[in-house]
């Protein structure tokens, strides 16, 4: 099996050597390979630039989405805190109102004072 591989490899080397021996063919081949290499580098650069632009766009969308979520969560949390605060204020106001009613029912003078008799 290794003998057949060596034979195929030898034939490929001979063909490549004969092909490269001709000056015009060699220059054309080198020119085509150079163009392919340059285009490959260009396309790779373009793909990298496109990937960076997409990453930037997705980063901006991620930041906008995160900001919207955080603002919504903070607003919801603030709503719950405001509700709890309003309950405390309502209890205090109710106690104060009841206290004022009790004070208004009592007279300012004692029952045994001169003006009360």
N, C-alpha and C. Protein backbone atom coordinates (compact mmCIF):
# COMPACT_ATOMS: atom_id res chain seq x y z
N UNK A 1 0.83 -1.18 0.00
CA UNK A 1 0.00 0.00 0.00
C UNK A 1 0.87 1.24 0.00
N UNK A 2 1.97 1.24 0.74
CA UNK A 2 2.85 2.40 0.75
C UNK A 2 3.56 2.56 -0.59
N UNK A 3 3.74 1.48 -1.29
CA UNK A 3 4.38 1.57 -2.61
C UNK A 3 3.50 2.30 -3.60
N UNK A 4 2.20 2.05 -3.56
CA UNK A 4 1.29 2.72 -4.49
C UNK A 4 1.18 4.21 -4.15
N UNK A 5 1.21 4.53 -2.84
CA UNK A 5 1.16 5.94 -2.44
C UNK A 5 2.42 6.67 -2.89
N UNK A 6 3.57 5.99 -2.79
CA UNK A 6 4.82 6.61 -3.21
C UNK A 6 4.81 6.84 -4.71
N UNK A 7 4.23 5.89 -5.46
CA UNK A 7 4.14 6.03 -6.92
C UNK A 7 3.25 7.21 -7.30
N UNK A 8 2.09 7.35 -6.63
CA UNK A 8 1.17 8.45 -6.91
C UNK A 8 1.82 9.78 -6.55
N UNK A 9 2.51 9.82 -5.42
CA UNK A 9 3.18 11.04 -5.00
C UNK A 9 4.29 11.41 -5.97
N UNK A 10 5.03 10.42 -6.45
CA UNK A 10 6.08 10.67 -7.44
C UNK A 10 5.51 11.21 -8.73
N UNK A 11 4.40 10.64 -9.18
CA UNK A 11 3.74 11.13 -10.41
C UNK A 11 3.27 12.58 -10.23
N UNK A 12 2.72 12.91 -9.03
CA UNK A 12 2.24 14.26 -8.79
C UNK A 12 3.40 15.25 -8.78
N UNK A 13 4.54 14.84 -8.21
CA UNK A 13 5.73 15.71 -8.21
C UNK A 13 6.25 15.93 -9.61
N UNK A 14 6.26 14.89 -10.40
CA UNK A 14 6.74 15.01 -11.79
C UNK A 14 5.83 15.94 -12.58
N UNK A 15 4.52 15.79 -12.41
CA UNK A 15 3.58 16.66 -13.12
C UNK A 15 3.75 18.11 -12.69
N UNK A 16 3.89 18.34 -11.37
CA UNK A 16 4.06 19.70 -10.87
C UNK A 16 5.37 20.29 -11.36
N UNK A 17 6.43 19.49 -11.40
CA UNK A 17 7.72 19.98 -11.89
C UNK A 17 7.66 20.36 -13.35
N UNK A 18 7.02 19.54 -14.19
CA UNK A 18 6.88 19.84 -15.61
C UNK A 18 6.01 21.06 -15.82
N UNK A 19 5.00 21.17 -15.01
CA UNK A 19 4.08 22.30 -15.11
C UNK A 19 4.77 23.60 -14.72
N UNK A 20 5.59 23.55 -13.68
CA UNK A 20 6.26 24.74 -13.20
C UNK A 20 7.46 25.11 -14.04
N UNK A 21 7.90 24.22 -14.90
CA UNK A 21 9.09 24.49 -15.73
C UNK A 21 8.80 25.56 -16.78
N UNK A 22 7.63 25.63 -17.22
CA UNK A 22 7.30 26.62 -18.24
C UNK A 22 7.14 27.98 -17.57
N UNK A 23 7.84 29.00 -18.04
CA UNK A 23 7.89 30.33 -17.41
C UNK A 23 6.53 31.03 -17.43
N UNK A 24 5.83 30.97 -18.56
CA UNK A 24 4.54 31.65 -18.65
C UNK A 24 3.53 31.02 -17.70
N UNK A 25 3.52 29.72 -17.69
CA UNK A 25 2.57 29.03 -16.82
C UNK A 25 2.90 29.32 -15.37
N UNK A 26 4.18 29.34 -15.05
CA UNK A 26 4.60 29.60 -13.68
C UNK A 26 4.18 31.01 -13.25
N UNK A 27 4.41 32.01 -14.11
CA UNK A 27 4.02 33.38 -13.77
C UNK A 27 2.50 33.51 -13.63
N UNK A 28 1.77 32.87 -14.51
CA UNK A 28 0.30 32.92 -14.44
C UNK A 28 -0.22 32.25 -13.18
N UNK A 29 0.39 31.11 -12.86
CA UNK A 29 -0.04 30.39 -11.66
C UNK A 29 0.25 31.21 -10.41
N UNK A 30 1.43 31.80 -10.36
CA UNK A 30 1.79 32.64 -9.21
C UNK A 30 0.85 33.84 -9.13
N UNK A 31 0.52 34.44 -10.26
CA UNK A 31 -0.38 35.59 -10.27
C UNK A 31 -1.78 35.19 -9.78
N UNK A 32 -2.28 34.06 -10.26
CA UNK A 32 -3.61 33.60 -9.83
C UNK A 32 -3.61 33.28 -8.34
N UNK A 33 -2.55 32.60 -7.88
CA UNK A 33 -2.47 32.30 -6.45
C UNK A 33 -2.37 33.56 -5.60
N UNK A 34 -1.63 34.57 -6.10
CA UNK A 34 -1.49 35.83 -5.37
C UNK A 34 -2.85 36.54 -5.29
N UNK A 35 -3.58 36.55 -6.42
CA UNK A 35 -4.91 37.18 -6.43
C UNK A 35 -5.85 36.45 -5.47
N UNK A 36 -5.83 35.12 -5.51
CA UNK A 36 -6.68 34.34 -4.59
C UNK A 36 -6.31 34.63 -3.14
N UNK A 37 -5.02 34.72 -2.86
CA UNK A 37 -4.57 34.99 -1.50
C UNK A 37 -5.01 36.37 -1.03
N UNK A 38 -4.86 37.38 -1.89
CA UNK A 38 -5.25 38.74 -1.54
C UNK A 38 -6.77 38.82 -1.35
N UNK A 39 -7.52 38.20 -2.26
CA UNK A 39 -8.98 38.20 -2.12
C UNK A 39 -9.40 37.47 -0.85
N UNK A 40 -8.71 36.39 -0.52
CA UNK A 40 -9.03 35.66 0.69
C UNK A 40 -8.79 36.55 1.91
N UNK A 41 -7.67 37.27 1.92
CA UNK A 41 -7.39 38.19 3.03
C UNK A 41 -8.45 39.29 3.09
N UNK A 42 -8.86 39.81 1.93
CA UNK A 42 -9.86 40.87 1.87
C UNK A 42 -11.19 40.37 2.44
N UNK A 43 -11.62 39.18 1.99
CA UNK A 43 -12.90 38.65 2.47
C UNK A 43 -12.85 38.33 3.95
N UNK A 44 -11.72 37.85 4.41
CA UNK A 44 -11.59 37.57 5.84
C UNK A 44 -11.71 38.88 6.63
N UNK A 45 -11.05 39.92 6.14
CA UNK A 45 -11.16 41.22 6.81
C UNK A 45 -12.58 41.74 6.79
N UNK A 46 -13.25 41.58 5.66
CA UNK A 46 -14.64 42.04 5.55
C UNK A 46 -15.55 41.24 6.50
N UNK A 47 -15.33 39.95 6.59
CA UNK A 47 -16.14 39.14 7.50
C UNK A 47 -15.88 39.52 8.95
N UNK A 48 -14.63 39.79 9.29
CA UNK A 48 -14.31 40.23 10.65
C UNK A 48 -14.96 41.57 10.96
N UNK A 49 -14.92 42.48 9.99
CA UNK A 49 -15.54 43.79 10.18
C UNK A 49 -17.06 43.64 10.35
N UNK A 50 -17.66 42.79 9.53
CA UNK A 50 -19.11 42.57 9.65
C UNK A 50 -19.45 41.94 11.00
N UNK A 51 -18.63 41.00 11.44
CA UNK A 51 -18.87 40.37 12.74
C UNK A 51 -18.77 41.39 13.87
N UNK A 52 -17.78 42.27 13.78
CA UNK A 52 -17.64 43.31 14.81
C UNK A 52 -18.83 44.26 14.80
N UNK A 53 -19.32 44.61 13.61
CA UNK A 53 -20.49 45.48 13.53
C UNK A 53 -21.73 44.80 14.12
N UNK A 54 -21.92 43.53 13.80
CA UNK A 54 -23.04 42.81 14.38
C UNK A 54 -22.90 42.72 15.90
N UNK A 55 -21.69 42.47 16.37
CA UNK A 55 -21.47 42.39 17.82
C UNK A 55 -21.78 43.74 18.47
N UNK A 56 -21.38 44.82 17.82
CA UNK A 56 -21.67 46.15 18.35
C UNK A 56 -23.18 46.40 18.38
N UNK A 57 -23.86 46.03 17.30
CA UNK A 57 -25.31 46.20 17.25
C UNK A 57 -26.02 45.39 18.33
N UNK A 58 -25.62 44.14 18.48
CA UNK A 58 -26.24 43.31 19.52
C UNK A 58 -25.90 43.82 20.90
N UNK A 59 -24.70 44.37 21.07
CA UNK A 59 -24.33 44.96 22.36
C UNK A 59 -25.23 46.15 22.70
N UNK A 60 -25.48 46.99 21.71
CA UNK A 60 -26.37 48.14 21.93
C UNK A 60 -27.78 47.67 22.27
N UNK A 61 -28.28 46.67 21.52
CA UNK A 61 -29.61 46.14 21.82
C UNK A 61 -29.66 45.50 23.20
N UNK A 62 -28.59 44.82 23.60
CA UNK A 62 -28.53 44.22 24.93
C UNK A 62 -28.57 45.30 26.00
N UNK A 63 -27.82 46.38 25.80
CA UNK A 63 -27.80 47.47 26.78
C UNK A 63 -29.18 48.13 26.87
N UNK A 64 -29.82 48.37 25.73
CA UNK A 64 -31.16 48.97 25.75
C UNK A 64 -32.17 48.05 26.45
N UNK A 65 -32.13 46.76 26.13
CA UNK A 65 -33.03 45.82 26.77
C UNK A 65 -32.79 45.72 28.27
N UNK A 66 -31.51 45.67 28.65
CA UNK A 66 -31.17 45.60 30.08
C UNK A 66 -31.64 46.84 30.82
N UNK A 67 -31.44 47.99 30.20
CA UNK A 67 -31.88 49.24 30.82
C UNK A 67 -33.39 49.26 30.99
N UNK A 68 -34.11 48.85 29.97
CA UNK A 68 -35.58 48.81 30.07
C UNK A 68 -36.01 47.85 31.16
N UNK A 69 -35.38 46.69 31.23
CA UNK A 69 -35.74 45.72 32.27
C UNK A 69 -35.44 46.28 33.66
N UNK A 70 -34.26 46.88 33.84
CA UNK A 70 -33.90 47.41 35.14
C UNK A 70 -34.82 48.55 35.56
N UNK A 71 -35.18 49.42 34.62
CA UNK A 71 -36.11 50.50 34.94
C UNK A 71 -37.49 49.95 35.32
N UNK A 72 -37.94 48.93 34.60
CA UNK A 72 -39.22 48.32 34.93
C UNK A 72 -39.19 47.66 36.30
N UNK A 73 -38.10 46.94 36.58
CA UNK A 73 -37.99 46.27 37.88
C UNK A 73 -37.90 47.30 39.01
N UNK A 74 -37.14 48.37 38.78
CA UNK A 74 -37.03 49.41 39.81
C UNK A 74 -38.38 50.11 40.01
N UNK A 75 -39.10 50.36 38.94
CA UNK A 75 -40.41 50.98 39.05
C UNK A 75 -41.39 50.09 39.81
N UNK A 76 -41.35 48.80 39.52
CA UNK A 76 -42.23 47.87 40.22
C UNK A 76 -41.88 47.81 41.70
N UNK A 77 -40.60 47.76 41.99
CA UNK A 77 -40.15 47.73 43.39
C UNK A 77 -40.53 49.04 44.09
N UNK A 78 -40.38 50.15 43.40
CA UNK A 78 -40.77 51.44 43.96
C UNK A 78 -42.26 51.51 44.22
N UNK A 79 -43.05 50.90 43.33
CA UNK A 79 -44.49 50.88 43.51
C UNK A 79 -44.85 50.12 44.79
N UNK A 80 -44.20 48.99 45.01
CA UNK A 80 -44.47 48.22 46.23
C UNK A 80 -44.04 48.99 47.47
N UNK A 81 -42.89 49.65 47.41
CA UNK A 81 -42.43 50.44 48.55
C UNK A 81 -43.35 51.62 48.81
N UNK A 82 -43.82 52.27 47.75
CA UNK A 82 -44.75 53.39 47.92
C UNK A 82 -46.06 52.92 48.52
N UNK A 83 -46.52 51.74 48.11
CA UNK A 83 -47.76 51.20 48.67
C UNK A 83 -47.60 50.93 50.17
N UNK A 84 -46.47 50.35 50.54
CA UNK A 84 -46.22 50.07 51.97
C UNK A 84 -46.11 51.38 52.75
N UNK A 85 -45.46 52.38 52.16
CA UNK A 85 -45.35 53.68 52.81
C UNK A 85 -46.70 54.35 52.97
N UNK A 86 -47.54 54.23 51.97
CA UNK A 86 -48.87 54.84 52.06
C UNK A 86 -49.72 54.15 53.12
N UNK A 87 -49.54 52.84 53.28
CA UNK A 87 -50.26 52.15 54.36
C UNK A 87 -49.84 52.69 55.72
N UNK A 88 -48.54 52.90 55.89
CA UNK A 88 -48.04 53.43 57.17
C UNK A 88 -48.56 54.85 57.40
N UNK A 89 -48.57 55.67 56.35
CA UNK A 89 -49.08 57.04 56.47
C UNK A 89 -50.57 57.01 56.76
N UNK A 90 -51.30 56.11 56.13
CA UNK A 90 -52.74 56.03 56.37
C UNK A 90 -53.02 55.62 57.81
N UNK A 91 -52.26 54.66 58.34
CA UNK A 91 -52.45 54.26 59.74
C UNK A 91 -52.18 55.42 60.68
N UNK A 92 -51.09 56.15 60.42
CA UNK A 92 -50.75 57.30 61.27
C UNK A 92 -51.83 58.37 61.18
N UNK A 93 -52.32 58.64 59.98
CA UNK A 93 -53.36 59.65 59.81
C UNK A 93 -54.64 59.22 60.52
N UNK A 94 -54.99 57.94 60.43
CA UNK A 94 -56.19 57.43 61.09
C UNK A 94 -56.06 57.58 62.61
N UNK A 95 -54.88 57.22 63.16
CA UNK A 95 -54.67 57.37 64.60
C UNK A 95 -54.73 58.83 65.02
N UNK A 96 -54.15 59.69 64.21
CA UNK A 96 -54.19 61.12 64.51
C UNK A 96 -55.60 61.68 64.48
N UNK A 97 -56.39 61.25 63.50
CA UNK A 97 -57.77 61.71 63.40
C UNK A 97 -58.59 61.24 64.61
N UNK A 98 -58.40 59.98 64.99
CA UNK A 98 -59.11 59.46 66.17
C UNK A 98 -58.70 60.23 67.42
N UNK A 99 -57.41 60.52 67.54
CA UNK A 99 -56.92 61.30 68.68
C UNK A 99 -57.52 62.69 68.70
N UNK A 100 -57.63 63.34 67.56
CA UNK A 100 -58.24 64.66 67.49
C UNK A 100 -59.72 64.61 67.86
N UNK A 101 -60.43 63.58 67.44
CA UNK A 101 -61.85 63.44 67.81
C UNK A 101 -62.00 63.32 69.33
N UNK A 102 -61.14 62.53 69.95
CA UNK A 102 -61.21 62.37 71.40
C UNK A 102 -60.93 63.68 72.11
N UNK A 103 -59.94 64.43 71.61
CA UNK A 103 -59.61 65.71 72.22
C UNK A 103 -60.75 66.70 72.04
N UNK A 104 -61.39 66.72 70.89
CA UNK A 104 -62.48 67.68 70.63
C UNK A 104 -63.72 67.37 71.47
N UNK A 105 -63.94 66.15 71.88
CA UNK A 105 -65.08 65.80 72.72
C UNK A 105 -64.90 66.25 74.16
N UNK A 106 -63.67 66.27 74.61
CA UNK A 106 -63.40 66.70 75.98
C UNK A 106 -63.48 68.21 76.08
N UNK A 107 -63.97 68.68 77.18
CA UNK A 107 -63.98 70.13 77.37
C UNK A 107 -62.62 70.57 77.90
N UNK A 108 -62.30 71.82 77.68
CA UNK A 108 -61.00 72.32 78.11
C UNK A 108 -61.00 72.68 79.59
N UNK A 109 -62.18 72.79 80.18
CA UNK A 109 -62.28 73.16 81.60
C UNK A 109 -62.69 71.95 82.40
N UNK A 110 -62.31 71.93 83.63
CA UNK A 110 -62.69 70.84 84.51
C UNK A 110 -64.15 71.03 84.92
N UNK A 111 -64.77 69.98 85.27
CA UNK A 111 -66.20 70.02 85.62
C UNK A 111 -66.44 70.84 86.89
N UNK A 112 -65.51 70.95 87.79
CA UNK A 112 -65.70 71.66 89.06
C UNK A 112 -65.18 73.10 89.01
N UNK A 113 -64.79 73.57 87.89
CA UNK A 113 -64.27 74.94 87.82
C UNK A 113 -65.42 75.95 87.96
N UNK A 114 -65.11 77.19 88.23
CA UNK A 114 -66.12 78.23 88.46
C UNK A 114 -66.94 78.51 87.21
N UNK A 115 -66.26 78.59 86.07
CA UNK A 115 -66.99 78.94 84.85
C UNK A 115 -67.89 77.80 84.40
N UNK A 116 -67.56 76.61 84.76
CA UNK A 116 -68.38 75.49 84.34
C UNK A 116 -69.64 75.39 85.16
N UNK A 117 -69.71 75.98 86.36
CA UNK A 117 -70.90 75.86 87.22
C UNK A 117 -71.88 76.93 86.94
